[in-house]
Amino acid sequence: MLNTLLNALLGCSHRRTTFPITPGRRSGLRHGTYVVCLDCGKEFGYNWNEMRIGEPVTASVTTETAEAAFSAANR
């Protein structure tokens, strides 16, 4: 609760992120490695060479797109 209030007032610092995720070749939904902020859920590109978080990912995968890809993969 307090964390949400501080994020609303000051913005998220994105200090707690997932381990870099690289999608499989067959996923087709994403290109490149990315990390996700554990506090606000925002996605950022990740540069393995520099080991740094990059710019925010502009288009996130919607639930409908993910469900369609999941159901197509399980046919």
PDB file of N, CA and C in Angstrom:
ATOM      1  N   MET A   1       0.824  -1.194   0.000  1.00  0.00           N
ATOM      2  CA  MET A   1       0.000   0.000   0.000  1.00  0.00           C
ATOM      3  C   MET A   1       0.869   1.259   0.000  1.00  0.00           C
ATOM      4  N   LEU A   2       1.820   1.310   0.924  1.00  0.00           N
ATOM      5  CA  LEU A   2       2.711   2.471   1.007  1.00  0.00           C
ATOM      6  C   LEU A   2       3.563   2.583  -0.259  1.00  0.00           C
ATOM      7  N   ASN A   3       4.006   1.444  -0.773  1.00  0.00           N
ATOM      8  CA  ASN A   3       4.818   1.437  -1.990  1.00  0.00           C
ATOM      9  C   ASN A   3       4.021   1.982  -3.178  1.00  0.00           C
ATOM     10  N   THR A   4       2.762   1.600  -3.277  1.00  0.00           N
ATOM     11  CA  THR A   4       1.898   2.090  -4.356  1.00  0.00           C
ATOM     12  C   THR A   4       1.700   3.598  -4.258  1.00  0.00           C
ATOM     13  N   LEU A   5       1.517   4.094  -3.055  1.00  0.00           N
ATOM     14  CA  LEU A   5       1.335   5.528  -2.848  1.00  0.00           C
ATOM     15  C   LEU A   5       2.600   6.297  -3.236  1.00  0.00           C
ATOM     16  N   LEU A   6       3.757   5.793  -2.827  1.00  0.00           N
ATOM     17  CA  LEU A   6       5.018   6.452  -3.187  1.00  0.00           C
ATOM     18  C   LEU A   6       5.260   6.423  -4.697  1.00  0.00           C
ATOM     19  N   ASN A   7       4.935   5.308  -5.345  1.00  0.00           N
ATOM     20  CA  ASN A   7       5.077   5.228  -6.802  1.00  0.00           C
ATOM     21  C   ASN A   7       4.172   6.238  -7.498  1.00  0.00           C
ATOM     22  N   ALA A   8       2.971   6.427  -6.980  1.00  0.00           N
ATOM     23  CA  ALA A   8       2.048   7.388  -7.579  1.00  0.00           C
ATOM     24  C   ALA A   8       2.564   8.816  -7.436  1.00  0.00           C
ATOM     25  N   LEU A   9       3.162   9.118  -6.294  1.00  0.00           N
ATOM     26  CA  LEU A   9       3.652  10.476  -6.052  1.00  0.00           C
ATOM     27  C   LEU A   9       5.012  10.753  -6.692  1.00  0.00           C
ATOM     28  N   LEU A  10       5.938   9.833  -6.537  1.00  0.00           N
ATOM     29  CA  LEU A  10       7.312  10.062  -6.975  1.00  0.00           C
ATOM     30  C   LEU A  10       7.699   9.291  -8.241  1.00  0.00           C
ATOM     31  N   GLY A  11       6.928   8.306  -8.609  1.00  0.00           N
ATOM     32  CA  GLY A  11       7.286   7.458  -9.733  1.00  0.00           C
ATOM     33  C   GLY A  11       8.119   6.283  -9.241  1.00  0.00           C
ATOM     34  N   CYS A  12       8.114   5.223  -9.993  1.00  0.00           N
ATOM     35  CA  CYS A  12       8.820   4.001  -9.605  1.00  0.00           C
ATOM     36  C   CYS A  12      10.300   4.124  -9.972  1.00  0.00           C
ATOM     37  N   SER A  13      11.170   3.622  -9.105  1.00  0.00           N
ATOM     38  CA  SER A  13      12.616   3.683  -9.371  1.00  0.00           C
ATOM     39  C   SER A  13      13.099   2.482 -10.181  1.00  0.00           C
ATOM     40  N   HIS A  14      12.260   1.466 -10.351  1.00  0.00           N
ATOM     41  CA  HIS A  14      12.563   0.265 -11.133  1.00  0.00           C
ATOM     42  C   HIS A  14      13.832  -0.425 -10.641  1.00  0.00           C
ATOM     43  N   ARG A  15      14.028  -0.475  -9.340  1.00  0.00           N
ATOM     44  CA  ARG A  15      15.217  -1.126  -8.784  1.00  0.00           C
ATOM     45  C   ARG A  15      15.062  -2.640  -8.679  1.00  0.00           C
ATOM     46  N   ARG A  16      13.842  -3.125  -8.490  1.00  0.00           N
ATOM     47  CA  ARG A  16      13.615  -4.568  -8.381  1.00  0.00           C
ATOM     48  C   ARG A  16      13.053  -5.083  -9.699  1.00  0.00           C
ATOM     49  N   THR A  17      13.852  -5.847 -10.433  1.00  0.00           N
ATOM     50  CA  THR A  17      13.429  -6.358 -11.730  1.00  0.00           C
ATOM     51  C   THR A  17      13.624  -7.874 -11.791  1.00  0.00           C
ATOM     52  N   THR A  18      12.981  -8.473 -12.771  1.00  0.00           N
ATOM     53  CA  THR A  18      13.161  -9.892 -13.015  1.00  0.00           C
ATOM     54  C   THR A  18      14.538 -10.132 -13.615  1.00  0.00           C
ATOM     55  N   PHE A  19      14.955 -11.386 -13.652  1.00  0.00           N
ATOM     56  CA  PHE A  19      16.151 -11.755 -14.385  1.00  0.00           C
ATOM     57  C   PHE A  19      15.849 -11.515 -15.856  1.00  0.00           C
ATOM     58  N   PRO A  20      16.840 -11.130 -16.670  1.00  0.00           N
ATOM     59  CA  PRO A  20      16.562 -10.892 -18.094  1.00  0.00           C
ATOM     60  C   PRO A  20      15.921 -12.104 -18.771  1.00  0.00           C
ATOM     61  N   ILE A  21      14.872 -11.842 -19.526  1.00  0.00           N
ATOM     62  CA  ILE A  21      14.098 -12.879 -20.197  1.00  0.00           C
ATOM     63  C   ILE A  21      14.332 -12.768 -21.699  1.00  0.00           C
ATOM     64  N   THR A  22      14.715 -13.873 -22.319  1.00  0.00           N
ATOM     65  CA  THR A  22      14.860 -13.919 -23.772  1.00  0.00           C
ATOM     66  C   THR A  22      13.829 -14.897 -24.306  1.00  0.00           C
ATOM     67  N   PRO A  23      12.866 -14.431 -25.103  1.00  0.00           N
ATOM     68  CA  PRO A  23      11.815 -15.313 -25.604  1.00  0.00           C
ATOM     69  C   PRO A  23      12.381 -16.363 -26.554  1.00  0.00           C
ATOM     70  N   GLY A  24      11.686 -17.475 -26.645  1.00  0.00           N
ATOM     71  CA  GLY A  24      12.069 -18.533 -27.577  1.00  0.00           C
ATOM     72  C   GLY A  24      11.860 -18.108 -29.013  1.00  0.00           C
ATOM     73  N   ARG A  25      12.463 -18.842 -29.900  1.00  0.00           N
ATOM     74  CA  ARG A  25      12.364 -18.499 -31.328  1.00  0.00           C
ATOM     75  C   ARG A  25      10.956 -18.636 -31.857  1.00  0.00           C
ATOM     76  N   ARG A  26      10.200 -19.562 -31.317  1.00  0.00           N
ATOM     77  CA  ARG A  26       8.863 -19.808 -31.843  1.00  0.00           C
ATOM     78  C   ARG A  26       7.793 -18.920 -31.242  1.00  0.00           C
ATOM     79  N   SER A  27       8.122 -18.117 -30.250  1.00  0.00           N
ATOM     80  CA  SER A  27       7.071 -17.342 -29.589  1.00  0.00           C
ATOM     81  C   SER A  27       6.440 -16.328 -30.541  1.00  0.00           C
ATOM     82  N   GLY A  28       7.248 -15.607 -31.297  1.00  0.00           N
ATOM     83  CA  GLY A  28       6.715 -14.650 -32.261  1.00  0.00           C
ATOM     84  C   GLY A  28       6.086 -13.416 -31.646  1.00  0.00           C
ATOM     85  N   LEU A  29       5.974 -13.370 -30.325  1.00  0.00           N
ATOM     86  CA  LEU A  29       5.328 -12.238 -29.669  1.00  0.00           C
ATOM     87  C   LEU A  29       6.304 -11.123 -29.346  1.00  0.00           C
ATOM     88  N   ARG A  30       7.559 -11.472 -29.069  1.00  0.00           N
ATOM     89  CA  ARG A  30       8.553 -10.492 -28.652  1.00  0.00           C
ATOM     90  C   ARG A  30       9.846 -10.720 -29.405  1.00  0.00           C
ATOM     91  N   HIS A  31      10.631  -9.669 -29.450  1.00  0.00           N
ATOM     92  CA  HIS A  31      11.965  -9.758 -30.032  1.00  0.00           C
ATOM     93  C   HIS A  31      12.933  -9.114 -29.065  1.00  0.00           C
ATOM     94  N   GLY A  32      13.980  -9.823 -28.712  1.00  0.00           N
ATOM     95  CA  GLY A  32      14.989  -9.258 -27.823  1.00  0.00           C
ATOM     96  C   GLY A  32      14.755  -9.588 -26.360  1.00  0.00           C
ATOM     97  N   THR A  33      15.781  -9.356 -25.604  1.00  0.00           N
ATOM     98  CA  THR A  33      15.757  -9.635 -24.169  1.00  0.00           C
ATOM     99  C   THR A  33      15.144  -8.453 -23.423  1.00  0.00           C
ATOM    100  N   TYR A  34      14.399  -8.755 -22.375  1.00  0.00           N
ATOM    101  CA  TYR A  34      13.758  -7.695 -21.599  1.00  0.00           C
ATOM    102  C   TYR A  34      13.711  -8.082 -20.126  1.00  0.00           C
ATOM    103  N   VAL A  35      13.460  -7.094 -19.269  1.00  0.00           N
ATOM    104  CA  VAL A  35      13.229  -7.301 -17.839  1.00  0.00           C
ATOM    105  C   VAL A  35      11.919  -6.614 -17.479  1.00  0.00           C
ATOM    106  N   VAL A  36      11.332  -7.029 -16.359  1.00  0.00           N
ATOM    107  CA  VAL A  36      10.076  -6.442 -15.900  1.00  0.00           C
ATOM    108  C   VAL A  36      10.274  -5.938 -14.476  1.00  0.00           C
ATOM    109  N   CYS A  37       9.846  -4.733 -14.214  1.00  0.00           N
ATOM    110  CA  CYS A  37       9.910  -4.168 -12.863  1.00  0.00           C
ATOM    111  C   CYS A  37       8.912  -4.916 -11.974  1.00  0.00           C
ATOM    112  N   LEU A  38       9.376  -5.419 -10.850  1.00  0.00           N
ATOM    113  CA  LEU A  38       8.514  -6.170  -9.945  1.00  0.00           C
ATOM    114  C   LEU A  38       7.566  -5.280  -9.153  1.00  0.00           C
ATOM    115  N   ASP A  39       7.836  -3.996  -9.102  1.00  0.00           N
ATOM    116  CA  ASP A  39       6.974  -3.082  -8.350  1.00  0.00           C
ATOM    117  C   ASP A  39       5.835  -2.518  -9.196  1.00  0.00           C
ATOM    118  N   CYS A  40       6.145  -2.100 -10.426  1.00  0.00           N
ATOM    119  CA  CYS A  40       5.105  -1.456 -11.235  1.00  0.00           C
ATOM    120  C   CYS A  40       4.694  -2.259 -12.473  1.00  0.00           C
ATOM    121  N   GLY A  41       5.467  -3.277 -12.852  1.00  0.00           N
ATOM    122  CA  GLY A  41       5.099  -4.116 -13.984  1.00  0.00           C
ATOM    123  C   GLY A  41       5.554  -3.598 -15.340  1.00  0.00           C
ATOM    124  N   LYS A  42       6.275  -2.504 -15.374  1.00  0.00           N
ATOM    125  CA  LYS A  42       6.733  -1.935 -16.635  1.00  0.00           C
ATOM    126  C   LYS A  42       7.860  -2.788 -17.220  1.00  0.00           C
ATOM    127  N   GLU A  43       7.881  -2.930 -18.540  1.00  0.00           N
ATOM    128  CA  GLU A  43       8.873  -3.745 -19.220  1.00  0.00           C
ATOM    129  C   GLU A  43       9.951  -2.869 -19.857  1.00  0.00           C
ATOM    130  N   PHE A  44      11.197  -3.328 -19.766  1.00  0.00           N
ATOM    131  CA  PHE A  44      12.340  -2.601 -20.317  1.00  0.00           C
ATOM    132  C   PHE A  44      13.205  -3.550 -21.125  1.00  0.00           C
ATOM    133  N   GLY A  45      13.752  -3.054 -22.218  1.00  0.00           N
ATOM    134  CA  GLY A  45      14.724  -3.822 -22.962  1.00  0.00           C
ATOM    135  C   GLY A  45      15.966  -4.032 -22.114  1.00  0.00           C
ATOM    136  N   TYR A  46      16.737  -5.084 -22.426  1.00  0.00           N
ATOM    137  CA  TYR A  46      17.941  -5.371 -21.647  1.00  0.00           C
ATOM    138  C   TYR A  46      19.093  -5.621 -22.603  1.00  0.00           C
ATOM    139  N   ASN A  47      20.245  -5.008 -22.336  1.00  0.00           N
ATOM    140  CA  ASN A  47      21.435  -5.164 -23.157  1.00  0.00           C
ATOM    141  C   ASN A  47      22.392  -6.122 -22.444  1.00  0.00           C
ATOM    142  N   TRP A  48      22.572  -7.323 -23.013  1.00  0.00           N
ATOM    143  CA  TRP A  48      23.455  -8.312 -22.392  1.00  0.00           C
ATOM    144  C   TRP A  48      24.920  -7.886 -22.444  1.00  0.00           C
ATOM    145  N   ASN A  49      25.316  -7.181 -23.507  1.00  0.00           N
ATOM    146  CA  ASN A  49      26.725  -6.775 -23.639  1.00  0.00           C
ATOM    147  C   ASN A  49      27.131  -5.786 -22.548  1.00  0.00           C
ATOM    148  N   GLU A  50      26.268  -4.829 -22.274  1.00  0.00           N
ATOM    149  CA  GLU A  50      26.558  -3.824 -21.252  1.00  0.00           C
ATOM    150  C   GLU A  50      25.980  -4.202 -19.887  1.00  0.00           C
ATOM    151  N   MET A  51      25.118  -5.232 -19.873  1.00  0.00           N
ATOM    152  CA  MET A  51      24.404  -5.666 -18.660  1.00  0.00           C
ATOM    153  C   MET A  51      23.668  -4.509 -18.005  1.00  0.00           C
ATOM    154  N   ARG A  52      22.896  -3.807 -18.823  1.00  0.00           N
ATOM    155  CA  ARG A  52      22.136  -2.656 -18.350  1.00  0.00           C
ATOM    156  C   ARG A  52      20.704  -2.695 -18.877  1.00  0.00           C
ATOM    157  N   ILE A  53      19.817  -2.095 -18.086  1.00  0.00           N
ATOM    158  CA  ILE A  53      18.430  -1.932 -18.504  1.00  0.00           C
ATOM    159  C   ILE A  53      18.362  -0.813 -19.522  1.00  0.00           C
ATOM    160  N   GLY A  54      17.592  -1.029 -20.580  1.00  0.00           N
ATOM    161  CA  GLY A  54      17.477  -0.036 -21.638  1.00  0.00           C
ATOM    162  C   GLY A  54      16.175   0.743 -21.555  1.00  0.00           C
ATOM    163  N   GLU A  55      15.701   1.132 -22.699  1.00  0.00           N
ATOM    164  CA  GLU A  55      14.482   1.926 -22.807  1.00  0.00           C
ATOM    165  C   GLU A  55      13.240   1.076 -22.529  1.00  0.00           C
ATOM    166  N   PRO A  56      12.154   1.711 -22.102  1.00  0.00           N
ATOM    167  CA  PRO A  56      10.905   0.963 -21.891  1.00  0.00           C
ATOM    168  C   PRO A  56      10.423   0.323 -23.193  1.00  0.00           C
ATOM    169  N   VAL A  57       9.847  -0.849 -23.078  1.00  0.00           N
ATOM    170  CA  VAL A  57       9.265  -1.531 -24.228  1.00  0.00           C
ATOM    171  C   VAL A  57       7.935  -0.868 -24.510  1.00  0.00           C
ATOM    172  N   THR A  58       7.732  -0.428 -25.743  1.00  0.00           N
ATOM    173  CA  THR A  58       6.527   0.337 -26.060  1.00  0.00           C
ATOM    174  C   THR A  58       5.281  -0.526 -26.172  1.00  0.00           C
ATOM    175  N   ALA A  59       5.356  -1.647 -26.822  1.00  0.00           N
ATOM    176  CA  ALA A  59       4.178  -2.491 -27.015  1.00  0.00           C
ATOM    177  C   ALA A  59       4.300  -3.738 -26.155  1.00  0.00           C
ATOM    178  N   SER A  60       3.430  -3.850 -25.165  1.00  0.00           N
ATOM    179  CA  SER A  60       3.441  -5.045 -24.331  1.00  0.00           C
ATOM    180  C   SER A  60       2.468  -6.061 -24.917  1.00  0.00           C
ATOM    181  N   VAL A  61       2.656  -7.291 -24.554  1.00  0.00           N
ATOM    182  CA  VAL A  61       1.786  -8.356 -25.031  1.00  0.00           C
ATOM    183  C   VAL A  61       0.474  -8.282 -24.271  1.00  0.00           C
ATOM    184  N   THR A  62      -0.625  -8.235 -25.007  1.00  0.00           N
ATOM    185  CA  THR A  62      -1.924  -8.212 -24.345  1.00  0.00           C
ATOM    186  C   THR A  62      -2.325  -9.627 -23.970  1.00  0.00           C
ATOM    187  N   THR A  63      -3.258  -9.743 -23.091  1.00  0.00           N
ATOM    188  CA  THR A  63      -3.719 -11.055 -22.651  1.00  0.00           C
ATOM    189  C   THR A  63      -4.317 -11.818 -23.820  1.00  0.00           C
ATOM    190  N   GLU A  64      -5.062 -11.139 -24.683  1.00  0.00           N
ATOM    191  CA  GLU A  64      -5.680 -11.802 -25.823  1.00  0.00           C
ATOM    192  C   GLU A  64      -4.633 -12.373 -26.768  1.00  0.00           C
ATOM    193  N   THR A  65      -3.560 -11.609 -27.031  1.00  0.00           N
ATOM    194  CA  THR A  65      -2.497 -12.064 -27.916  1.00  0.00           C
ATOM    195  C   THR A  65      -1.775 -13.251 -27.307  1.00  0.00           C
ATOM    196  N   ALA A  66      -1.507 -13.190 -26.022  1.00  0.00           N
ATOM    197  CA  ALA A  66      -0.819 -14.286 -25.342  1.00  0.00           C
ATOM    198  C   ALA A  66      -1.685 -15.537 -25.327  1.00  0.00           C
ATOM    199  N   GLU A  67      -2.977 -15.390 -25.076  1.00  0.00           N
ATOM    200  CA  GLU A  67      -3.874 -16.541 -25.069  1.00  0.00           C
ATOM    201  C   GLU A  67      -3.971 -17.170 -26.451  1.00  0.00           C
ATOM    202  N   ALA A  68      -4.006 -16.337 -27.489  1.00  0.00           N
ATOM    203  CA  ALA A  68      -4.065 -16.859 -28.853  1.00  0.00           C
ATOM    204  C   ALA A  68      -2.809 -17.637 -29.205  1.00  0.00           C
ATOM    205  N   ALA A  69      -1.664 -17.113 -28.826  1.00  0.00           N
ATOM    206  CA  ALA A  69      -0.397 -17.794 -29.097  1.00  0.00           C
ATOM    207  C   ALA A  69      -0.299 -19.084 -28.307  1.00  0.00           C
ATOM    208  N   PHE A  70      -0.767 -19.063 -27.063  1.00  0.00           N
ATOM    209  CA  PHE A  70      -0.720 -20.251 -26.217  1.00  0.00           C
ATOM    210  C   PHE A  70      -1.611 -21.338 -26.771  1.00  0.00           C
ATOM    211  N   SER A  71      -2.824 -20.982 -27.167  1.00  0.00           N
ATOM    212  CA  SER A  71      -3.751 -21.999 -27.678  1.00  0.00           C
ATOM    213  C   SER A  71      -3.286 -22.534 -29.027  1.00  0.00           C
ATOM    214  N   ALA A  72      -2.666 -21.696 -29.852  1.00  0.00           N
ATOM    215  CA  ALA A  72      -2.162 -22.152 -31.148  1.00  0.00           C
ATOM    216  C   ALA A  72      -0.990 -23.108 -30.956  1.00  0.00           C
ATOM    217  N   ALA A  73      -0.167 -22.877 -29.947  1.00  0.00           N
ATOM    218  CA  ALA A  73       0.992 -23.730 -29.693  1.00  0.00           C
ATOM    219  C   ALA A  73       0.583 -25.084 -29.134  1.00  0.00           C
ATOM    220  N   ASN A  74      -0.589 -25.177 -28.520  1.00  0.00           N
ATOM    221  CA  ASN A  74      -1.023 -26.417 -27.893  1.00  0.00           C
ATOM    222  C   ASN A  74      -1.991 -27.220 -28.759  1.00  0.00           C
ATOM    223  N   ARG A  75      -2.119 -26.895 -30.001  1.00  0.00           N
ATOM    224  CA  ARG A  75      -3.031 -27.634 -30.886  1.00  0.00           C
ATOM    225  C   ARG A  75      -2.399 -28.903 -31.368  1.00  0.00           C
TER     226      ARG A  75
END
